[in-house]
Structure formats: C-alpha cells, structure tokens
Amino acid sequence: MTPPSNFIMLLIALGLIFVVFIVLGLKRNPNIYTLACVIILSSIVLGYYSLLSYSAIQKDQIVFQQYHHQTIFKWQDLHEVIYEYEIGTFGTYYFQTKSNEHFVIKENGQFGLDEKRAIYKLAVLNGVKFMEREKSI
C-alpha cells in the first residue's frame, strides 16, 4: 500500500518541473539557469522520496517503510487483529502485538475483498485472533 503523502509529494515534484518551464519562459540569464537547476534537482529528490514509503502485508511479516526507517512486525508476534468498518466506507485494521504495541492500517482504494480475505487467512494461519465489527458511533 502506498500512503497518500507519496502521491502528494509526487504531485509537488511534477509541479516544480512546471514551475521551471514558467521561470525559463519569463527571463533567461545565468541566475535563472541556476535557479532552474536547483528546482529540477529539488523535484528529482522529492520524486525519489515519494517512492520510499509503503506498507506491505506479507506472508510472514508486516512492513512499514517510512523513507529511511523500517518497522517490521512478525505475524507470530501479533496477538489480535480487529477490522472495524462502517457500511459504505473503507474500514480500518487495528493490530495489537503480544507486547501490547498497537498499529493501524486504514483501507483505501487499493484494498478489496481479496486483500481482506488474505489478511484474515494470514491471521488464522499464524494463530492470531481476528475480529470484525461495525464501527460504533
């Protein structure tokens, strides 16, 4: 899963390239060329960082990659998974480890019934309690 912040950063990076074209179209001198190079480099760096963050639910672990920091939770270390949903909207997965740590994964457009079944199956295969409930108001 790709967090929404990645899409925002990529949009800003593309917007910076558009800004370079506008700046170069207005006036051209050595200072403008230097500014254009700095903006293009900034856009490349921002575009690169937009590719680094993700969450992956894998067969034997759950990985949260945030830029240059990675957190891994093994399925064997999890105590329970609670899927909370509201009819007509995306649901939220609440994970609790045996050492009482909590983390949350919110569904988005990348989630479907197959992904929900896969999470349920992985939880059951690894002896993790799985509960599904409607969100209470």
N, C-alpha and C. Protein backbone atom coordinates (compact mmCIF):
# COMPACT_ATOMS: atom_id res chain seq x y z
N MET A 1 0.84 -1.17 0.00
CA MET A 1 0.00 0.00 0.00
C MET A 1 0.88 1.23 0.00
N THR A 2 0.46 2.20 -0.72
CA THR A 2 1.18 3.46 -0.81
C THR A 2 0.42 4.52 -0.03
N PRO A 3 1.09 5.20 0.90
CA PRO A 3 0.39 6.24 1.66
C PRO A 3 0.07 7.45 0.79
N PRO A 4 -1.00 8.16 1.11
CA PRO A 4 -1.39 9.34 0.32
C PRO A 4 -0.30 10.42 0.25
N SER A 5 0.54 10.50 1.27
CA SER A 5 1.60 11.52 1.26
C SER A 5 2.55 11.31 0.08
N ASN A 6 2.73 10.07 -0.35
CA ASN A 6 3.59 9.82 -1.52
C ASN A 6 3.02 10.46 -2.78
N PHE A 7 1.73 10.37 -2.96
CA PHE A 7 1.09 10.95 -4.13
C PHE A 7 1.18 12.48 -4.09
N ILE A 8 1.05 13.05 -2.90
CA ILE A 8 1.15 14.50 -2.76
C ILE A 8 2.57 14.96 -3.10
N MET A 9 3.57 14.25 -2.60
CA MET A 9 4.96 14.62 -2.90
C MET A 9 5.25 14.49 -4.39
N LEU A 10 4.74 13.46 -5.03
CA LEU A 10 4.95 13.29 -6.46
C LEU A 10 4.27 14.42 -7.25
N LEU A 11 3.08 14.81 -6.82
CA LEU A 11 2.38 15.91 -7.47
C LEU A 11 3.17 17.22 -7.32
N ILE A 12 3.74 17.45 -6.15
CA ILE A 12 4.55 18.65 -5.93
C ILE A 12 5.80 18.60 -6.81
N ALA A 13 6.43 17.43 -6.91
CA ALA A 13 7.62 17.29 -7.75
C ALA A 13 7.31 17.61 -9.20
N LEU A 14 6.18 17.13 -9.69
CA LEU A 14 5.78 17.43 -11.06
C LEU A 14 5.43 18.91 -11.22
N GLY A 15 4.83 19.49 -10.19
CA GLY A 15 4.52 20.92 -10.21
C GLY A 15 5.79 21.77 -10.26
N LEU A 16 6.84 21.32 -9.58
CA LEU A 16 8.10 22.05 -9.62
C LEU A 16 8.69 22.08 -11.03
N ILE A 17 8.55 20.98 -11.74
CA ILE A 17 9.04 20.96 -13.13
C ILE A 17 8.25 21.95 -13.97
N PHE A 18 6.96 22.05 -13.75
CA PHE A 18 6.13 23.03 -14.45
C PHE A 18 6.59 24.46 -14.12
N VAL A 19 6.95 24.68 -12.86
CA VAL A 19 7.45 26.00 -12.43
C VAL A 19 8.74 26.34 -13.18
N VAL A 20 9.61 25.34 -13.39
CA VAL A 20 10.86 25.57 -14.12
C VAL A 20 10.55 26.08 -15.53
N PHE A 21 9.59 25.47 -16.19
CA PHE A 21 9.24 25.92 -17.53
C PHE A 21 8.73 27.36 -17.53
N ILE A 22 7.95 27.71 -16.53
CA ILE A 22 7.45 29.09 -16.43
C ILE A 22 8.60 30.06 -16.18
N VAL A 23 9.49 29.70 -15.25
CA VAL A 23 10.63 30.56 -14.94
C VAL A 23 11.51 30.75 -16.16
N LEU A 24 11.79 29.67 -16.88
CA LEU A 24 12.63 29.79 -18.08
C LEU A 24 11.94 30.56 -19.20
N GLY A 25 10.63 30.53 -19.22
CA GLY A 25 9.88 31.26 -20.23
C GLY A 25 9.84 32.75 -19.98
N LEU A 26 10.00 33.16 -18.74
CA LEU A 26 9.93 34.59 -18.42
C LEU A 26 11.21 35.34 -18.75
N LYS A 27 12.32 34.80 -18.30
CA LYS A 27 13.57 35.50 -18.48
C LYS A 27 14.70 34.48 -18.43
N ARG A 28 15.72 34.71 -19.23
CA ARG A 28 16.84 33.78 -19.24
C ARG A 28 18.14 34.55 -19.01
N ASN A 29 18.78 34.22 -17.91
CA ASN A 29 20.11 34.72 -17.59
C ASN A 29 20.78 33.67 -16.70
N PRO A 30 22.04 33.81 -16.38
CA PRO A 30 22.73 32.79 -15.58
C PRO A 30 22.07 32.50 -14.23
N ASN A 31 21.53 33.53 -13.59
CA ASN A 31 20.85 33.31 -12.31
C ASN A 31 19.59 32.45 -12.48
N ILE A 32 18.86 32.69 -13.53
CA ILE A 32 17.64 31.91 -13.80
C ILE A 32 18.00 30.46 -14.11
N TYR A 33 19.07 30.25 -14.87
CA TYR A 33 19.51 28.88 -15.16
C TYR A 33 19.93 28.15 -13.88
N THR A 34 20.61 28.86 -13.00
CA THR A 34 21.00 28.27 -11.71
C THR A 34 19.75 27.93 -10.90
N LEU A 35 18.79 28.85 -10.84
CA LEU A 35 17.54 28.60 -10.13
C LEU A 35 16.80 27.41 -10.74
N ALA A 36 16.75 27.33 -12.06
CA ALA A 36 16.08 26.21 -12.73
C ALA A 36 16.74 24.89 -12.38
N CYS A 37 18.08 24.86 -12.33
CA CYS A 37 18.79 23.63 -11.96
C CYS A 37 18.48 23.22 -10.53
N VAL A 38 18.43 24.19 -9.63
CA VAL A 38 18.11 23.90 -8.22
C VAL A 38 16.69 23.35 -8.10
N ILE A 39 15.76 23.95 -8.81
CA ILE A 39 14.37 23.48 -8.76
C ILE A 39 14.26 22.07 -9.35
N ILE A 40 14.94 21.81 -10.45
CA ILE A 40 14.90 20.47 -11.06
C ILE A 40 15.50 19.44 -10.12
N LEU A 41 16.63 19.76 -9.48
CA LEU A 41 17.23 18.83 -8.51
C LEU A 41 16.29 18.59 -7.33
N SER A 42 15.64 19.65 -6.87
CA SER A 42 14.67 19.50 -5.78
C SER A 42 13.51 18.59 -6.20
N SER A 43 13.07 18.76 -7.43
CA SER A 43 11.99 17.93 -7.95
C SER A 43 12.41 16.46 -8.02
N ILE A 44 13.63 16.21 -8.46
CA ILE A 44 14.12 14.82 -8.53
C ILE A 44 14.21 14.20 -7.15
N VAL A 45 14.74 14.96 -6.19
CA VAL A 45 14.86 14.45 -4.81
C VAL A 45 13.48 14.18 -4.22
N LEU A 46 12.55 15.11 -4.41
CA LEU A 46 11.19 14.93 -3.90
C LEU A 46 10.51 13.74 -4.57
N GLY A 47 10.71 13.59 -5.87
CA GLY A 47 10.16 12.43 -6.58
C GLY A 47 10.73 11.13 -6.06
N TYR A 48 12.03 11.11 -5.75
CA TYR A 48 12.67 9.92 -5.19
C TYR A 48 12.06 9.59 -3.82
N TYR A 49 11.91 10.59 -2.97
CA TYR A 49 11.34 10.35 -1.64
C TYR A 49 9.88 9.90 -1.72
N SER A 50 9.19 10.27 -2.78
CA SER A 50 7.80 9.84 -2.91
C SER A 50 7.67 8.35 -3.19
N LEU A 51 8.78 7.71 -3.54
CA LEU A 51 8.76 6.27 -3.81
C LEU A 51 9.20 5.42 -2.63
N LEU A 52 9.65 6.03 -1.55
CA LEU A 52 10.28 5.28 -0.46
C LEU A 52 9.32 4.75 0.59
N SER A 53 8.18 5.36 0.78
CA SER A 53 7.28 4.95 1.85
C SER A 53 6.23 3.97 1.35
N TYR A 54 6.00 2.94 2.13
CA TYR A 54 4.95 1.98 1.80
C TYR A 54 4.66 1.11 3.03
N SER A 55 3.54 0.42 2.98
CA SER A 55 3.18 -0.60 3.96
C SER A 55 2.93 -1.88 3.18
N ALA A 56 3.50 -2.98 3.67
CA ALA A 56 3.34 -4.25 2.97
C ALA A 56 2.93 -5.33 3.97
N ILE A 57 1.84 -5.99 3.67
CA ILE A 57 1.39 -7.12 4.47
C ILE A 57 1.83 -8.36 3.73
N GLN A 58 2.85 -9.03 4.28
CA GLN A 58 3.45 -10.17 3.62
C GLN A 58 3.11 -11.46 4.35
N LYS A 59 3.53 -12.55 3.78
CA LYS A 59 3.19 -13.88 4.30
C LYS A 59 3.65 -14.09 5.74
N ASP A 60 4.85 -13.59 6.10
CA ASP A 60 5.35 -13.84 7.44
C ASP A 60 5.59 -12.57 8.25
N GLN A 61 5.28 -11.39 7.67
CA GLN A 61 5.51 -10.16 8.40
C GLN A 61 4.72 -9.00 7.81
N ILE A 62 4.65 -7.92 8.58
CA ILE A 62 4.04 -6.68 8.13
C ILE A 62 5.13 -5.62 8.19
N VAL A 63 5.36 -4.95 7.07
CA VAL A 63 6.47 -4.00 6.95
C VAL A 63 5.92 -2.59 6.77
N PHE A 64 6.44 -1.66 7.57
CA PHE A 64 6.14 -0.24 7.41
C PHE A 64 7.45 0.45 7.06
N GLN A 65 7.55 0.93 5.85
CA GLN A 65 8.74 1.64 5.38
C GLN A 65 8.40 3.12 5.32
N GLN A 66 9.08 3.92 6.13
CA GLN A 66 8.92 5.36 6.13
C GLN A 66 10.24 6.00 5.77
N TYR A 67 10.39 6.37 4.53
CA TYR A 67 11.61 6.98 4.00
C TYR A 67 12.81 6.08 4.30
N HIS A 68 13.61 6.38 5.29
CA HIS A 68 14.79 5.56 5.57
C HIS A 68 14.67 4.82 6.90
N HIS A 69 13.44 4.65 7.38
CA HIS A 69 13.20 3.92 8.63
C HIS A 69 12.19 2.80 8.36
N GLN A 70 12.55 1.62 8.78
CA GLN A 70 11.68 0.46 8.52
C GLN A 70 11.30 -0.20 9.84
N THR A 71 10.00 -0.50 9.98
CA THR A 71 9.50 -1.22 11.14
C THR A 71 8.86 -2.51 10.64
N ILE A 72 9.26 -3.62 11.26
CA ILE A 72 8.75 -4.93 10.85
C ILE A 72 8.08 -5.59 12.04
N PHE A 73 6.87 -6.10 11.82
CA PHE A 73 6.15 -6.87 12.81
C PHE A 73 5.94 -8.27 12.25
N LYS A 74 6.43 -9.27 12.94
CA LYS A 74 6.23 -10.66 12.53
C LYS A 74 4.82 -11.09 12.92
N TRP A 75 4.20 -11.92 12.09
CA TRP A 75 2.86 -12.40 12.40
C TRP A 75 2.84 -13.18 13.73
N GLN A 76 3.92 -13.88 14.04
CA GLN A 76 3.99 -14.66 15.28
C GLN A 76 3.96 -13.76 16.51
N ASP A 77 4.35 -12.49 16.35
CA ASP A 77 4.38 -11.55 17.48
C ASP A 77 3.06 -10.83 17.69
N LEU A 78 2.08 -11.07 16.82
CA LEU A 78 0.79 -10.39 16.94
C LEU A 78 -0.16 -11.17 17.82
N HIS A 79 -0.95 -10.43 18.59
CA HIS A 79 -1.95 -11.05 19.47
C HIS A 79 -3.33 -11.07 18.80
N GLU A 80 -3.73 -9.91 18.23
CA GLU A 80 -5.04 -9.86 17.60
C GLU A 80 -5.08 -8.80 16.50
N VAL A 81 -6.05 -9.01 15.60
CA VAL A 81 -6.33 -8.06 14.53
C VAL A 81 -7.82 -7.76 14.60
N ILE A 82 -8.14 -6.48 14.64
CA ILE A 82 -9.55 -6.06 14.66
C ILE A 82 -9.82 -5.26 13.39
N TYR A 83 -10.79 -5.71 12.63
CA TYR A 83 -11.21 -4.98 11.44
C TYR A 83 -12.49 -4.25 11.79
N GLU A 84 -12.42 -2.92 11.75
CA GLU A 84 -13.57 -2.10 12.08
C GLU A 84 -14.02 -1.38 10.82
N TYR A 85 -15.31 -1.43 10.54
CA TYR A 85 -15.82 -0.86 9.29
C TYR A 85 -17.11 -0.10 9.54
N GLU A 86 -17.42 0.74 8.59
CA GLU A 86 -18.68 1.45 8.56
C GLU A 86 -19.25 1.17 7.17
N ILE A 87 -20.49 0.80 7.09
CA ILE A 87 -21.09 0.41 5.83
C ILE A 87 -20.98 1.55 4.82
N GLY A 88 -20.45 1.21 3.64
CA GLY A 88 -20.32 2.18 2.57
C GLY A 88 -19.01 2.95 2.56
N THR A 89 -18.13 2.69 3.53
CA THR A 89 -16.84 3.39 3.57
C THR A 89 -15.73 2.35 3.75
N PHE A 90 -14.51 2.84 3.72
CA PHE A 90 -13.36 1.97 3.93
C PHE A 90 -13.23 1.65 5.42
N GLY A 91 -12.70 0.48 5.71
CA GLY A 91 -12.51 0.07 7.09
C GLY A 91 -11.11 0.36 7.60
N THR A 92 -10.88 -0.04 8.83
CA THR A 92 -9.59 0.17 9.48
C THR A 92 -9.19 -1.11 10.18
N TYR A 93 -7.91 -1.48 10.04
CA TYR A 93 -7.36 -2.65 10.71
C TYR A 93 -6.56 -2.18 11.92
N TYR A 94 -6.89 -2.71 13.09
CA TYR A 94 -6.15 -2.41 14.32
C TYR A 94 -5.39 -3.67 14.71
N PHE A 95 -4.09 -3.55 14.82
CA PHE A 95 -3.23 -4.67 15.17
C PHE A 95 -2.68 -4.46 16.57
N GLN A 96 -2.65 -5.53 17.34
CA GLN A 96 -2.04 -5.47 18.67
C GLN A 96 -1.03 -6.61 18.79
N THR A 97 0.17 -6.29 19.24
CA THR A 97 1.21 -7.29 19.40
C THR A 97 1.09 -7.93 20.78
N LYS A 98 1.82 -9.00 20.98
CA LYS A 98 1.83 -9.67 22.28
C LYS A 98 2.50 -8.81 23.34
N SER A 99 3.35 -7.88 22.92
CA SER A 99 4.00 -6.96 23.87
C SER A 99 3.18 -5.68 24.03
N ASN A 100 1.92 -5.71 23.62
CA ASN A 100 0.95 -4.63 23.79
C ASN A 100 1.25 -3.38 22.96
N GLU A 101 1.95 -3.52 21.84
CA GLU A 101 2.13 -2.41 20.90
C GLU A 101 0.93 -2.41 19.96
N HIS A 102 0.56 -1.22 19.51
CA HIS A 102 -0.58 -1.09 18.61
C HIS A 102 -0.14 -0.39 17.34
N PHE A 103 -0.72 -0.78 16.22
CA PHE A 103 -0.54 -0.05 14.97
C PHE A 103 -1.79 -0.22 14.14
N VAL A 104 -1.98 0.73 13.23
CA VAL A 104 -3.24 0.82 12.47
C VAL A 104 -2.93 0.89 10.98
N ILE A 105 -3.75 0.20 10.20
CA ILE A 105 -3.71 0.32 8.75
C ILE A 105 -5.12 0.66 8.29
N LYS A 106 -5.25 1.81 7.63
CA LYS A 106 -6.55 2.23 7.11
C LYS A 106 -6.68 1.75 5.68
N GLU A 107 -7.85 1.22 5.36
CA GLU A 107 -8.11 0.79 3.98
C GLU A 107 -8.19 2.01 3.07
N ASN A 108 -7.90 1.76 1.81
CA ASN A 108 -8.05 2.80 0.79
C ASN A 108 -8.51 2.11 -0.49
N GLY A 109 -8.42 2.79 -1.60
CA GLY A 109 -8.86 2.23 -2.88
C GLY A 109 -8.07 1.02 -3.33
N GLN A 110 -6.90 0.78 -2.74
CA GLN A 110 -6.08 -0.37 -3.10
C GLN A 110 -6.57 -1.65 -2.43
N PHE A 111 -7.45 -1.52 -1.45
CA PHE A 111 -7.97 -2.68 -0.73
C PHE A 111 -9.24 -3.17 -1.40
N GLY A 112 -9.38 -4.45 -1.44
CA GLY A 112 -10.59 -5.06 -1.94
C GLY A 112 -10.92 -6.27 -1.10
N LEU A 113 -11.89 -7.04 -1.53
CA LEU A 113 -12.30 -8.22 -0.80
C LEU A 113 -11.19 -9.26 -0.77
N ASP A 114 -10.41 -9.37 -1.84
CA ASP A 114 -9.32 -10.34 -1.88
C ASP A 114 -8.24 -10.01 -0.84
N GLU A 115 -7.93 -8.74 -0.67
CA GLU A 115 -6.92 -8.34 0.31
C GLU A 115 -7.43 -8.59 1.73
N LYS A 116 -8.71 -8.34 1.96
CA LYS A 116 -9.30 -8.59 3.27
C LYS A 116 -9.25 -10.08 3.59
N ARG A 117 -9.57 -10.90 2.63
CA ARG A 117 -9.50 -12.36 2.82
C ARG A 117 -8.07 -12.81 3.09
N ALA A 118 -7.11 -12.21 2.39
CA ALA A 118 -5.70 -12.58 2.58
C ALA A 118 -5.24 -12.24 3.99
N ILE A 119 -5.63 -11.08 4.50
CA ILE A 119 -5.26 -10.71 5.87
C ILE A 119 -5.89 -11.66 6.86
N TYR A 120 -7.17 -11.98 6.66
CA TYR A 120 -7.85 -12.93 7.55
C TYR A 120 -7.14 -14.29 7.52
N LYS A 121 -6.81 -14.76 6.32
CA LYS A 121 -6.15 -16.06 6.17
C LYS A 121 -4.79 -16.06 6.85
N LEU A 122 -4.01 -14.99 6.67
CA LEU A 122 -2.69 -14.91 7.31
C LEU A 122 -2.81 -14.88 8.83
N ALA A 123 -3.81 -14.18 9.32
CA ALA A 123 -4.02 -14.13 10.77
C ALA A 123 -4.35 -15.52 11.32
N VAL A 124 -5.27 -16.21 10.66
CA VAL A 124 -5.67 -17.54 11.12
C VAL A 124 -4.50 -18.53 11.03
N LEU A 125 -3.75 -18.49 9.93
CA LEU A 125 -2.61 -19.39 9.76
C LEU A 125 -1.54 -19.20 10.83
N ASN A 126 -1.43 -17.97 11.33
CA ASN A 126 -0.40 -17.67 12.33
C ASN A 126 -0.95 -17.63 13.75
N GLY A 127 -2.17 -18.08 13.95
CA GLY A 127 -2.75 -18.16 15.28
C GLY A 127 -3.09 -16.82 15.90
N VAL A 128 -3.37 -15.84 15.07
CA VAL A 128 -3.71 -14.50 15.55
C VAL A 128 -5.23 -14.36 15.55
N LYS A 129 -5.77 -13.88 16.67
CA LYS A 129 -7.21 -13.71 16.79
C LYS A 129 -7.66 -12.60 15.84
N PHE A 130 -8.70 -12.86 15.03
CA PHE A 130 -9.21 -11.88 14.08
C PHE A 130 -10.66 -11.58 14.42
N MET A 131 -10.96 -10.31 14.64
CA MET A 131 -12.34 -9.90 14.93
C MET A 131 -12.77 -8.87 13.89
N GLU A 132 -14.03 -8.93 13.54
CA GLU A 132 -14.61 -7.97 12.60
C GLU A 132 -15.82 -7.37 13.26
N ARG A 133 -15.90 -6.03 13.26
CA ARG A 133 -17.03 -5.38 13.90
C ARG A 133 -17.36 -4.07 13.19
N GLU A 134 -18.63 -3.70 13.32
CA GLU A 134 -19.07 -2.43 12.74
C GLU A 134 -18.67 -1.31 13.69
N LYS A 135 -18.24 -0.20 13.10
CA LYS A 135 -17.79 0.93 13.90
C LYS A 135 -18.95 1.49 14.68
N SER A 136 -18.71 1.67 15.99
CA SER A 136 -19.76 2.25 16.82
C SER A 136 -19.61 3.77 16.84
N ILE A 137 -20.73 4.43 16.84
CA ILE A 137 -20.71 5.91 16.77
C ILE A 137 -20.56 6.51 18.13
